[in-house]
Amino acid sequence: MTGVDCAYPEMRLSELSTTDGRAAMPASSAACTVDLIAAYAFRSLRDYTVDPRPLGVVRYPGGSHNTTLISGAPGAIDFLAARVAGRAAADDCV
């Protein structure tokens, strides 16, 4: 969220953030990956935002954390680009 907030301040992500979310953004902006994992592992985005809807999940059969990072990047980038462009996400809730 911190990176998106810096790149697209017009999205006003702080308006969607809880008090914890607003505090986490500057605290995490200069942190190293290891520090971020230690501080935020096993937390949910719902802990930091006022929007209770869950995020969609895409599973890659047989993929590990590292291989999915690479193979899933194009889809993740396309998804984020569409949201930044103002296009609504597909409603795949069942």
PDB file of N, CA and C in Angstrom:
ATOM      1  N   MET A   1       0.811  -1.191   0.000  1.00  0.00           N
ATOM      2  CA  MET A   1       0.000   0.000   0.000  1.00  0.00           C
ATOM      3  C   MET A   1       0.854   1.254   0.000  1.00  0.00           C
ATOM      4  N   THR A   2       1.981   1.199   0.661  1.00  0.00           N
ATOM      5  CA  THR A   2       2.835   2.381   0.757  1.00  0.00           C
ATOM      6  C   THR A   2       3.311   2.822  -0.614  1.00  0.00           C
ATOM      7  N   GLY A   3       3.742   1.851  -1.434  1.00  0.00           N
ATOM      8  CA  GLY A   3       4.223   2.178  -2.773  1.00  0.00           C
ATOM      9  C   GLY A   3       3.135   2.765  -3.645  1.00  0.00           C
ATOM     10  N   VAL A   4       1.951   2.194  -3.595  1.00  0.00           N
ATOM     11  CA  VAL A   4       0.826   2.711  -4.378  1.00  0.00           C
ATOM     12  C   VAL A   4       0.460   4.106  -3.895  1.00  0.00           C
ATOM     13  N   ASP A   5       0.478   4.321  -2.593  1.00  0.00           N
ATOM     14  CA  ASP A   5       0.154   5.634  -2.041  1.00  0.00           C
ATOM     15  C   ASP A   5       1.159   6.685  -2.497  1.00  0.00           C
ATOM     16  N   CYS A   6       2.424   6.334  -2.551  1.00  0.00           N
ATOM     17  CA  CYS A   6       3.452   7.290  -2.998  1.00  0.00           C
ATOM     18  C   CYS A   6       3.315   7.590  -4.485  1.00  0.00           C
ATOM     19  N   ALA A   7       3.048   6.561  -5.284  1.00  0.00           N
ATOM     20  CA  ALA A   7       2.965   6.737  -6.732  1.00  0.00           C
ATOM     21  C   ALA A   7       1.673   7.414  -7.164  1.00  0.00           C
ATOM     22  N   TYR A   8       0.595   7.192  -6.423  1.00  0.00           N
ATOM     23  CA  TYR A   8      -0.712   7.713  -6.813  1.00  0.00           C
ATOM     24  C   TYR A   8      -1.399   8.403  -5.629  1.00  0.00           C
ATOM     25  N   PRO A   9      -0.855   9.539  -5.193  1.00  0.00           N
ATOM     26  CA  PRO A   9      -1.436  10.212  -4.018  1.00  0.00           C
ATOM     27  C   PRO A   9      -2.886  10.625  -4.232  1.00  0.00           C
ATOM     28  N   GLU A  10      -3.292  10.793  -5.493  1.00  0.00           N
ATOM     29  CA  GLU A  10      -4.679  11.177  -5.768  1.00  0.00           C
ATOM     30  C   GLU A  10      -5.677  10.082  -5.357  1.00  0.00           C
ATOM     31  N   MET A  11      -5.206   8.863  -5.115  1.00  0.00           N
ATOM     32  CA  MET A  11      -6.087   7.792  -4.671  1.00  0.00           C
ATOM     33  C   MET A  11      -6.485   7.962  -3.205  1.00  0.00           C
ATOM     34  N   ARG A  12      -5.741   8.779  -2.470  1.00  0.00           N
ATOM     35  CA  ARG A  12      -6.034   9.088  -1.067  1.00  0.00           C
ATOM     36  C   ARG A  12      -6.264   7.821  -0.235  1.00  0.00           C
ATOM     37  N   LEU A  13      -5.307   6.913  -0.275  1.00  0.00           N
ATOM     38  CA  LEU A  13      -5.433   5.660   0.458  1.00  0.00           C
ATOM     39  C   LEU A  13      -5.587   5.867   1.959  1.00  0.00           C
ATOM     40  N   SER A  14      -5.063   6.963   2.466  1.00  0.00           N
ATOM     41  CA  SER A  14      -5.194   7.205   3.909  1.00  0.00           C
ATOM     42  C   SER A  14      -6.658   7.311   4.323  1.00  0.00           C
ATOM     43  N   GLU A  15      -7.525   7.700   3.390  1.00  0.00           N
ATOM     44  CA  GLU A  15      -8.952   7.779   3.703  1.00  0.00           C
ATOM     45  C   GLU A  15      -9.570   6.390   3.874  1.00  0.00           C
ATOM     46  N   LEU A  16      -8.916   5.371   3.331  1.00  0.00           N
ATOM     47  CA  LEU A  16      -9.405   3.996   3.458  1.00  0.00           C
ATOM     48  C   LEU A  16      -8.719   3.259   4.600  1.00  0.00           C
ATOM     49  N   SER A  17      -7.791   3.918   5.254  1.00  0.00           N
ATOM     50  CA  SER A  17      -6.981   3.270   6.285  1.00  0.00           C
ATOM     51  C   SER A  17      -7.537   3.506   7.681  1.00  0.00           C
ATOM     52  N   THR A  18      -7.372   2.499   8.514  1.00  0.00           N
ATOM     53  CA  THR A  18      -7.681   2.652   9.936  1.00  0.00           C
ATOM     54  C   THR A  18      -6.537   3.430  10.583  1.00  0.00           C
ATOM     55  N   THR A  19      -6.659   3.707  11.860  1.00  0.00           N
ATOM     56  CA  THR A  19      -5.576   4.364  12.584  1.00  0.00           C
ATOM     57  C   THR A  19      -4.296   3.536  12.482  1.00  0.00           C
ATOM     58  N   ASP A  20      -4.417   2.212  12.640  1.00  0.00           N
ATOM     59  CA  ASP A  20      -3.246   1.336  12.505  1.00  0.00           C
ATOM     60  C   ASP A  20      -2.678   1.400  11.095  1.00  0.00           C
ATOM     61  N   GLY A  21      -3.549   1.458  10.095  1.00  0.00           N
ATOM     62  CA  GLY A  21      -3.097   1.534   8.714  1.00  0.00           C
ATOM     63  C   GLY A  21      -2.347   2.812   8.417  1.00  0.00           C
ATOM     64  N   ARG A  22      -2.859   3.934   8.909  1.00  0.00           N
ATOM     65  CA  ARG A  22      -2.167   5.214   8.706  1.00  0.00           C
ATOM     66  C   ARG A  22      -0.812   5.225   9.409  1.00  0.00           C
ATOM     67  N   ALA A  23      -0.716   4.575  10.559  1.00  0.00           N
ATOM     68  CA  ALA A  23       0.563   4.516  11.285  1.00  0.00           C
ATOM     69  C   ALA A  23       1.546   3.579  10.584  1.00  0.00           C
ATOM     70  N   ALA A  24       1.043   2.502   9.987  1.00  0.00           N
ATOM     71  CA  ALA A  24       1.917   1.518   9.356  1.00  0.00           C
ATOM     72  C   ALA A  24       2.540   2.039   8.064  1.00  0.00           C
ATOM     73  N   MET A  25       1.856   2.913   7.355  1.00  0.00           N
ATOM     74  CA  MET A  25       2.375   3.362   6.064  1.00  0.00           C
ATOM     75  C   MET A  25       3.724   4.069   6.189  1.00  0.00           C
ATOM     76  N   PRO A  26       3.856   5.118   6.994  1.00  0.00           N
ATOM     77  CA  PRO A  26       5.188   5.735   7.089  1.00  0.00           C
ATOM     78  C   PRO A  26       6.191   4.831   7.798  1.00  0.00           C
ATOM     79  N   ALA A  27       5.713   4.035   8.739  1.00  0.00           N
ATOM     80  CA  ALA A  27       6.627   3.147   9.470  1.00  0.00           C
ATOM     81  C   ALA A  27       7.214   2.082   8.550  1.00  0.00           C
ATOM     82  N   SER A  28       6.454   1.676   7.540  1.00  0.00           N
ATOM     83  CA  SER A  28       6.928   0.612   6.653  1.00  0.00           C
ATOM     84  C   SER A  28       7.642   1.141   5.418  1.00  0.00           C
ATOM     85  N   SER A  29       7.577   2.424   5.165  1.00  0.00           N
ATOM     86  CA  SER A  29       8.121   2.961   3.910  1.00  0.00           C
ATOM     87  C   SER A  29       9.640   2.859   3.804  1.00  0.00           C
ATOM     88  N   ALA A  30      10.340   2.837   4.917  1.00  0.00           N
ATOM     89  CA  ALA A  30      11.800   2.759   4.875  1.00  0.00           C
ATOM     90  C   ALA A  30      12.328   1.456   5.462  1.00  0.00           C
ATOM     91  N   ALA A  31      11.424   0.516   5.727  1.00  0.00           N
ATOM     92  CA  ALA A  31      11.830  -0.735   6.374  1.00  0.00           C
ATOM     93  C   ALA A  31      12.369  -1.741   5.371  1.00  0.00           C
ATOM     94  N   CYS A  32      13.236  -2.590   5.839  1.00  0.00           N
ATOM     95  CA  CYS A  32      13.767  -3.689   5.031  1.00  0.00           C
ATOM     96  C   CYS A  32      12.760  -4.840   5.038  1.00  0.00           C
ATOM     97  N   THR A  33      12.859  -5.707   4.057  1.00  0.00           N
ATOM     98  CA  THR A  33      11.926  -6.827   3.923  1.00  0.00           C
ATOM     99  C   THR A  33      11.860  -7.670   5.188  1.00  0.00           C
ATOM    100  N   VAL A  34      13.004  -7.976   5.770  1.00  0.00           N
ATOM    101  CA  VAL A  34      13.027  -8.807   6.981  1.00  0.00           C
ATOM    102  C   VAL A  34      12.263  -8.120   8.107  1.00  0.00           C
ATOM    103  N   ASP A  35      12.437  -6.823   8.244  1.00  0.00           N
ATOM    104  CA  ASP A  35      11.727  -6.072   9.279  1.00  0.00           C
ATOM    105  C   ASP A  35      10.223  -6.051   9.014  1.00  0.00           C
ATOM    106  N   LEU A  36       9.847  -5.925   7.738  1.00  0.00           N
ATOM    107  CA  LEU A  36       8.428  -5.924   7.388  1.00  0.00           C
ATOM    108  C   LEU A  36       7.786  -7.265   7.705  1.00  0.00           C
ATOM    109  N   ILE A  37       8.488  -8.338   7.394  1.00  0.00           N
ATOM    110  CA  ILE A  37       7.969  -9.672   7.685  1.00  0.00           C
ATOM    111  C   ILE A  37       7.794  -9.839   9.193  1.00  0.00           C
ATOM    112  N   ALA A  38       8.784  -9.413   9.949  1.00  0.00           N
ATOM    113  CA  ALA A  38       8.707  -9.552  11.413  1.00  0.00           C
ATOM    114  C   ALA A  38       7.549  -8.739  11.989  1.00  0.00           C
ATOM    115  N   ALA A  39       7.297  -7.567  11.425  1.00  0.00           N
ATOM    116  CA  ALA A  39       6.270  -6.690  11.973  1.00  0.00           C
ATOM    117  C   ALA A  39       4.856  -7.030  11.502  1.00  0.00           C
ATOM    118  N   TYR A  40       4.744  -7.506  10.254  1.00  0.00           N
ATOM    119  CA  TYR A  40       3.404  -7.628   9.671  1.00  0.00           C
ATOM    120  C   TYR A  40       3.003  -9.034   9.246  1.00  0.00           C
ATOM    121  N   ALA A  41       3.836 -10.026   9.478  1.00  0.00           N
ATOM    122  CA  ALA A  41       3.473 -11.401   9.115  1.00  0.00           C
ATOM    123  C   ALA A  41       2.199 -11.818   9.838  1.00  0.00           C
ATOM    124  N   PHE A  42       1.378 -12.540   9.144  1.00  0.00           N
ATOM    125  CA  PHE A  42       0.130 -13.091   9.683  1.00  0.00           C
ATOM    126  C   PHE A  42      -0.913 -12.028  10.011  1.00  0.00           C
ATOM    127  N   ARG A  43      -0.711 -10.820   9.523  1.00  0.00           N
ATOM    128  CA  ARG A  43      -1.729  -9.772   9.667  1.00  0.00           C
ATOM    129  C   ARG A  43      -2.535  -9.736   8.380  1.00  0.00           C
ATOM    130  N   SER A  44      -3.709  -9.202   8.445  1.00  0.00           N
ATOM    131  CA  SER A  44      -4.593  -9.106   7.293  1.00  0.00           C
ATOM    132  C   SER A  44      -4.701  -7.653   6.860  1.00  0.00           C
ATOM    133  N   LEU A  45      -4.901  -7.445   5.572  1.00  0.00           N
ATOM    134  CA  LEU A  45      -5.126  -6.088   5.090  1.00  0.00           C
ATOM    135  C   LEU A  45      -6.339  -5.482   5.793  1.00  0.00           C
ATOM    136  N   ARG A  46      -7.274  -6.334   6.198  1.00  0.00           N
ATOM    137  CA  ARG A  46      -8.458  -5.857   6.920  1.00  0.00           C
ATOM    138  C   ARG A  46      -8.089  -5.221   8.259  1.00  0.00           C
ATOM    139  N   ASP A  47      -6.896  -5.544   8.781  1.00  0.00           N
ATOM    140  CA  ASP A  47      -6.443  -4.911  10.025  1.00  0.00           C
ATOM    141  C   ASP A  47      -6.094  -3.441   9.810  1.00  0.00           C
ATOM    142  N   TYR A  48      -5.894  -3.067   8.553  1.00  0.00           N
ATOM    143  CA  TYR A  48      -5.395  -1.730   8.250  1.00  0.00           C
ATOM    144  C   TYR A  48      -6.344  -0.879   7.420  1.00  0.00           C
ATOM    145  N   THR A  49      -7.445  -1.445   6.950  1.00  0.00           N
ATOM    146  CA  THR A  49      -8.354  -0.685   6.107  1.00  0.00           C
ATOM    147  C   THR A  49      -9.767  -0.691   6.677  1.00  0.00           C
ATOM    148  N   VAL A  50     -10.545   0.306   6.272  1.00  0.00           N
ATOM    149  CA  VAL A  50     -11.922   0.405   6.727  1.00  0.00           C
ATOM    150  C   VAL A  50     -12.872  -0.388   5.844  1.00  0.00           C
ATOM    151  N   ASP A  51     -12.375  -0.923   4.745  1.00  0.00           N
ATOM    152  CA  ASP A  51     -13.187  -1.721   3.824  1.00  0.00           C
ATOM    153  C   ASP A  51     -13.065  -3.185   4.232  1.00  0.00           C
ATOM    154  N   PRO A  52     -14.139  -3.795   4.737  1.00  0.00           N
ATOM    155  CA  PRO A  52     -14.043  -5.160   5.256  1.00  0.00           C
ATOM    156  C   PRO A  52     -14.046  -6.254   4.190  1.00  0.00           C
ATOM    157  N   ARG A  53     -14.214  -5.888   2.911  1.00  0.00           N
ATOM    158  CA  ARG A  53     -14.287  -6.919   1.884  1.00  0.00           C
ATOM    159  C   ARG A  53     -12.942  -7.634   1.754  1.00  0.00           C
ATOM    160  N   PRO A  54     -12.971  -8.946   1.599  1.00  0.00           N
ATOM    161  CA  PRO A  54     -11.716  -9.683   1.430  1.00  0.00           C
ATOM    162  C   PRO A  54     -11.128  -9.442   0.044  1.00  0.00           C
ATOM    163  N   LEU A  55      -9.837  -9.601  -0.053  1.00  0.00           N
ATOM    164  CA  LEU A  55      -9.170  -9.514  -1.351  1.00  0.00           C
ATOM    165  C   LEU A  55      -9.343 -10.828  -2.089  1.00  0.00           C
ATOM    166  N   GLY A  56      -9.357 -10.755  -3.399  1.00  0.00           N
ATOM    167  CA  GLY A  56      -9.418 -11.971  -4.197  1.00  0.00           C
ATOM    168  C   GLY A  56      -8.103 -12.726  -4.104  1.00  0.00           C
ATOM    169  N   VAL A  57      -8.164 -14.001  -4.271  1.00  0.00           N
ATOM    170  CA  VAL A  57      -6.965 -14.836  -4.209  1.00  0.00           C
ATOM    171  C   VAL A  57      -6.863 -15.642  -5.496  1.00  0.00           C
ATOM    172  N   VAL A  58      -5.696 -15.657  -6.076  1.00  0.00           N
ATOM    173  CA  VAL A  58      -5.431 -16.470  -7.256  1.00  0.00           C
ATOM    174  C   VAL A  58      -4.424 -17.527  -6.846  1.00  0.00           C
ATOM    175  N   ARG A  59      -4.773 -18.771  -7.046  1.00  0.00           N
ATOM    176  CA  ARG A  59      -3.867 -19.868  -6.685  1.00  0.00           C
ATOM    177  C   ARG A  59      -3.207 -20.422  -7.940  1.00  0.00           C
ATOM    178  N   TYR A  60      -1.926 -20.720  -7.837  1.00  0.00           N
ATOM    179  CA  TYR A  60      -1.155 -21.321  -8.922  1.00  0.00           C
ATOM    180  C   TYR A  60      -0.790 -22.731  -8.501  1.00  0.00           C
ATOM    181  N   PRO A  61      -1.479 -23.741  -9.045  1.00  0.00           N
ATOM    182  CA  PRO A  61      -1.218 -25.130  -8.642  1.00  0.00           C
ATOM    183  C   PRO A  61       0.262 -25.496  -8.795  1.00  0.00           C
ATOM    184  N   GLY A  62       0.804 -26.065  -7.740  1.00  0.00           N
ATOM    185  CA  GLY A  62       2.193 -26.504  -7.765  1.00  0.00           C
ATOM    186  C   GLY A  62       3.211 -25.397  -7.602  1.00  0.00           C
ATOM    187  N   GLY A  63       2.739 -24.166  -7.494  1.00  0.00           N
ATOM    188  CA  GLY A  63       3.667 -23.050  -7.375  1.00  0.00           C
ATOM    189  C   GLY A  63       4.132 -22.849  -5.951  1.00  0.00           C
ATOM    190  N   SER A  64       5.404 -22.538  -5.791  1.00  0.00           N
ATOM    191  CA  SER A  64       5.934 -22.183  -4.476  1.00  0.00           C
ATOM    192  C   SER A  64       5.841 -20.668  -4.327  1.00  0.00           C
ATOM    193  N   HIS A  65       6.196 -20.176  -3.184  1.00  0.00           N
ATOM    194  CA  HIS A  65       6.185 -18.731  -2.954  1.00  0.00           C
ATOM    195  C   HIS A  65       7.061 -18.028  -3.991  1.00  0.00           C
ATOM    196  N   ASN A  66       8.249 -18.549  -4.222  1.00  0.00           N
ATOM    197  CA  ASN A  66       9.186 -17.892  -5.136  1.00  0.00           C
ATOM    198  C   ASN A  66       8.782 -18.031  -6.598  1.00  0.00           C
ATOM    199  N   THR A  67       8.338 -19.211  -7.023  1.00  0.00           N
ATOM    200  CA  THR A  67       7.967 -19.357  -8.432  1.00  0.00           C
ATOM    201  C   THR A  67       6.696 -18.577  -8.750  1.00  0.00           C
ATOM    202  N   THR A  68       5.776 -18.507  -7.806  1.00  0.00           N
ATOM    203  CA  THR A  68       4.547 -17.759  -8.034  1.00  0.00           C
ATOM    204  C   THR A  68       4.830 -16.260  -8.075  1.00  0.00           C
ATOM    205  N   LEU A  69       5.819 -15.809  -7.354  1.00  0.00           N
ATOM    206  CA  LEU A  69       6.221 -14.407  -7.421  1.00  0.00           C
ATOM    207  C   LEU A  69       6.540 -14.024  -8.859  1.00  0.00           C
ATOM    208  N   ILE A  70       7.219 -14.900  -9.561  1.00  0.00           N
ATOM    209  CA  ILE A  70       7.613 -14.621 -10.943  1.00  0.00           C
ATOM    210  C   ILE A  70       6.449 -14.892 -11.909  1.00  0.00           C
ATOM    211  N   SER A  71       5.839 -16.063 -11.809  1.00  0.00           N
ATOM    212  CA  SER A  71       4.795 -16.410 -12.773  1.00  0.00           C
ATOM    213  C   SER A  71       3.514 -15.592 -12.570  1.00  0.00           C
ATOM    214  N   GLY A  72       3.273 -15.124 -11.377  1.00  0.00           N
ATOM    215  CA  GLY A  72       2.061 -14.357 -11.105  1.00  0.00           C
ATOM    216  C   GLY A  72       2.212 -12.862 -11.293  1.00  0.00           C
ATOM    217  N   ALA A  73       3.437 -12.380 -11.481  1.00  0.00           N
ATOM    218  CA  ALA A  73       3.670 -10.938 -11.586  1.00  0.00           C
ATOM    219  C   ALA A  73       2.884 -10.267 -12.708  1.00  0.00           C
ATOM    220  N   PRO A  74       2.861 -10.819 -13.922  1.00  0.00           N
ATOM    221  CA  PRO A  74       2.106 -10.131 -14.985  1.00  0.00           C
ATOM    222  C   PRO A  74       0.628  -9.944 -14.642  1.00  0.00           C
ATOM    223  N   GLY A  75       0.001 -10.963 -14.082  1.00  0.00           N
ATOM    224  CA  GLY A  75      -1.403 -10.835 -13.713  1.00  0.00           C
ATOM    225  C   GLY A  75      -1.613  -9.826 -12.605  1.00  0.00           C
ATOM    226  N   ALA A  76      -0.710  -9.807 -11.631  1.00  0.00           N
ATOM    227  CA  ALA A  76      -0.813  -8.854 -10.528  1.00  0.00           C
ATOM    228  C   ALA A  76      -0.643  -7.421 -11.025  1.00  0.00           C
ATOM    229  N   ILE A  77       0.300  -7.220 -11.913  1.00  0.00           N
ATOM    230  CA  ILE A  77       0.538  -5.882 -12.463  1.00  0.00           C
ATOM    231  C   ILE A  77      -0.671  -5.426 -13.278  1.00  0.00           C
ATOM    232  N   ASP A  78      -1.225  -6.325 -14.089  1.00  0.00           N
ATOM    233  CA  ASP A  78      -2.423  -5.977 -14.863  1.00  0.00           C
ATOM    234  C   ASP A  78      -3.591  -5.616 -13.952  1.00  0.00           C
ATOM    235  N   PHE A  79      -3.775  -6.391 -12.882  1.00  0.00           N
ATOM    236  CA  PHE A  79      -4.856  -6.135 -11.936  1.00  0.00           C
ATOM    237  C   PHE A  79      -4.691  -4.747 -11.310  1.00  0.00           C
ATOM    238  N   LEU A  80      -3.487  -4.449 -10.820  1.00  0.00           N
ATOM    239  CA  LEU A  80      -3.258  -3.152 -10.175  1.00  0.00           C
ATOM    240  C   LEU A  80      -3.394  -2.000 -11.160  1.00  0.00           C
ATOM    241  N   ALA A  81      -2.906  -2.178 -12.373  1.00  0.00           N
ATOM    242  CA  ALA A  81      -3.017  -1.122 -13.388  1.00  0.00           C
ATOM    243  C   ALA A  81      -4.480  -0.815 -13.686  1.00  0.00           C
ATOM    244  N   ALA A  82      -5.303  -1.837 -13.763  1.00  0.00           N
ATOM    245  CA  ALA A  82      -6.730  -1.634 -14.018  1.00  0.00           C
ATOM    246  C   ALA A  82      -7.396  -0.883 -12.873  1.00  0.00           C
ATOM    247  N   ARG A  83      -7.031  -1.195 -11.627  1.00  0.00           N
ATOM    248  CA  ARG A  83      -7.628  -0.492 -10.488  1.00  0.00           C
ATOM    249  C   ARG A  83      -7.194   0.970 -10.490  1.00  0.00           C
ATOM    250  N   VAL A  84      -5.929   1.232 -10.759  1.00  0.00           N
ATOM    251  CA  VAL A  84      -5.417   2.607 -10.778  1.00  0.00           C
ATOM    252  C   VAL A  84      -6.093   3.386 -11.899  1.00  0.00           C
ATOM    253  N   ALA A  85      -6.396   2.698 -13.012  1.00  0.00           N
ATOM    254  CA  ALA A  85      -7.068   3.340 -14.142  1.00  0.00           C
ATOM    255  C   ALA A  85      -8.556   3.566 -13.873  1.00  0.00           C
ATOM    256  N   GLY A  86      -9.041   3.067 -12.741  1.00  0.00           N
ATOM    257  CA  GLY A  86     -10.435   3.282 -12.380  1.00  0.00           C
ATOM    258  C   GLY A  86     -11.391   2.212 -12.846  1.00  0.00           C
ATOM    259  N   ARG A  87     -10.876   1.137 -13.423  1.00  0.00           N
ATOM    260  CA  ARG A  87     -11.746   0.037 -13.843  1.00  0.00           C
ATOM    261  C   ARG A  87     -12.061  -0.855 -12.651  1.00  0.00           C
ATOM    262  N   ALA A  88     -13.305  -1.217 -12.514  1.00  0.00           N
ATOM    263  CA  ALA A  88     -13.726  -2.040 -11.380  1.00  0.00           C
ATOM    264  C   ALA A  88     -13.211  -3.460 -11.522  1.00  0.00           C
ATOM    265  N   ALA A  89     -12.917  -4.066 -10.400  1.00  0.00           N
ATOM    266  CA  ALA A  89     -12.506  -5.474 -10.396  1.00  0.00           C
ATOM    267  C   ALA A  89     -13.725  -6.344 -10.672  1.00  0.00           C
ATOM    268  N   ALA A  90     -13.475  -7.485 -11.294  1.00  0.00           N
ATOM    269  CA  ALA A  90     -14.562  -8.421 -11.536  1.00  0.00           C
ATOM    270  C   ALA A  90     -15.108  -8.896 -10.196  1.00  0.00           C
ATOM    271  N   ASP A  91     -16.412  -8.959 -10.086  1.00  0.00           N
ATOM    272  CA  ASP A  91     -17.040  -9.431  -8.854  1.00  0.00           C
ATOM    273  C   ASP A  91     -17.181 -10.933  -8.960  1.00  0.00           C
ATOM    274  N   ASP A  92     -16.225 -11.648  -8.360  1.00  0.00           N
ATOM    275  CA  ASP A  92     -16.242 -13.102  -8.451  1.00  0.00           C
ATOM    276  C   ASP A  92     -16.662 -13.741  -7.122  1.00  0.00           C
ATOM    277  N   CYS A  93     -17.355 -12.973  -6.291  1.00  0.00           N
ATOM    278  CA  CYS A  93     -17.825 -13.519  -5.019  1.00  0.00           C
ATOM    279  C   CYS A  93     -18.952 -14.518  -5.286  1.00  0.00           C
ATOM    280  N   VAL A  94     -18.916 -15.597  -4.553  1.00  0.00           N
ATOM    281  CA  VAL A  94     -19.972 -16.606  -4.718  1.00  0.00           C
ATOM    282  C   VAL A  94     -20.742 -16.761  -3.428  1.00  0.00           C
TER     283      VAL A  94
END
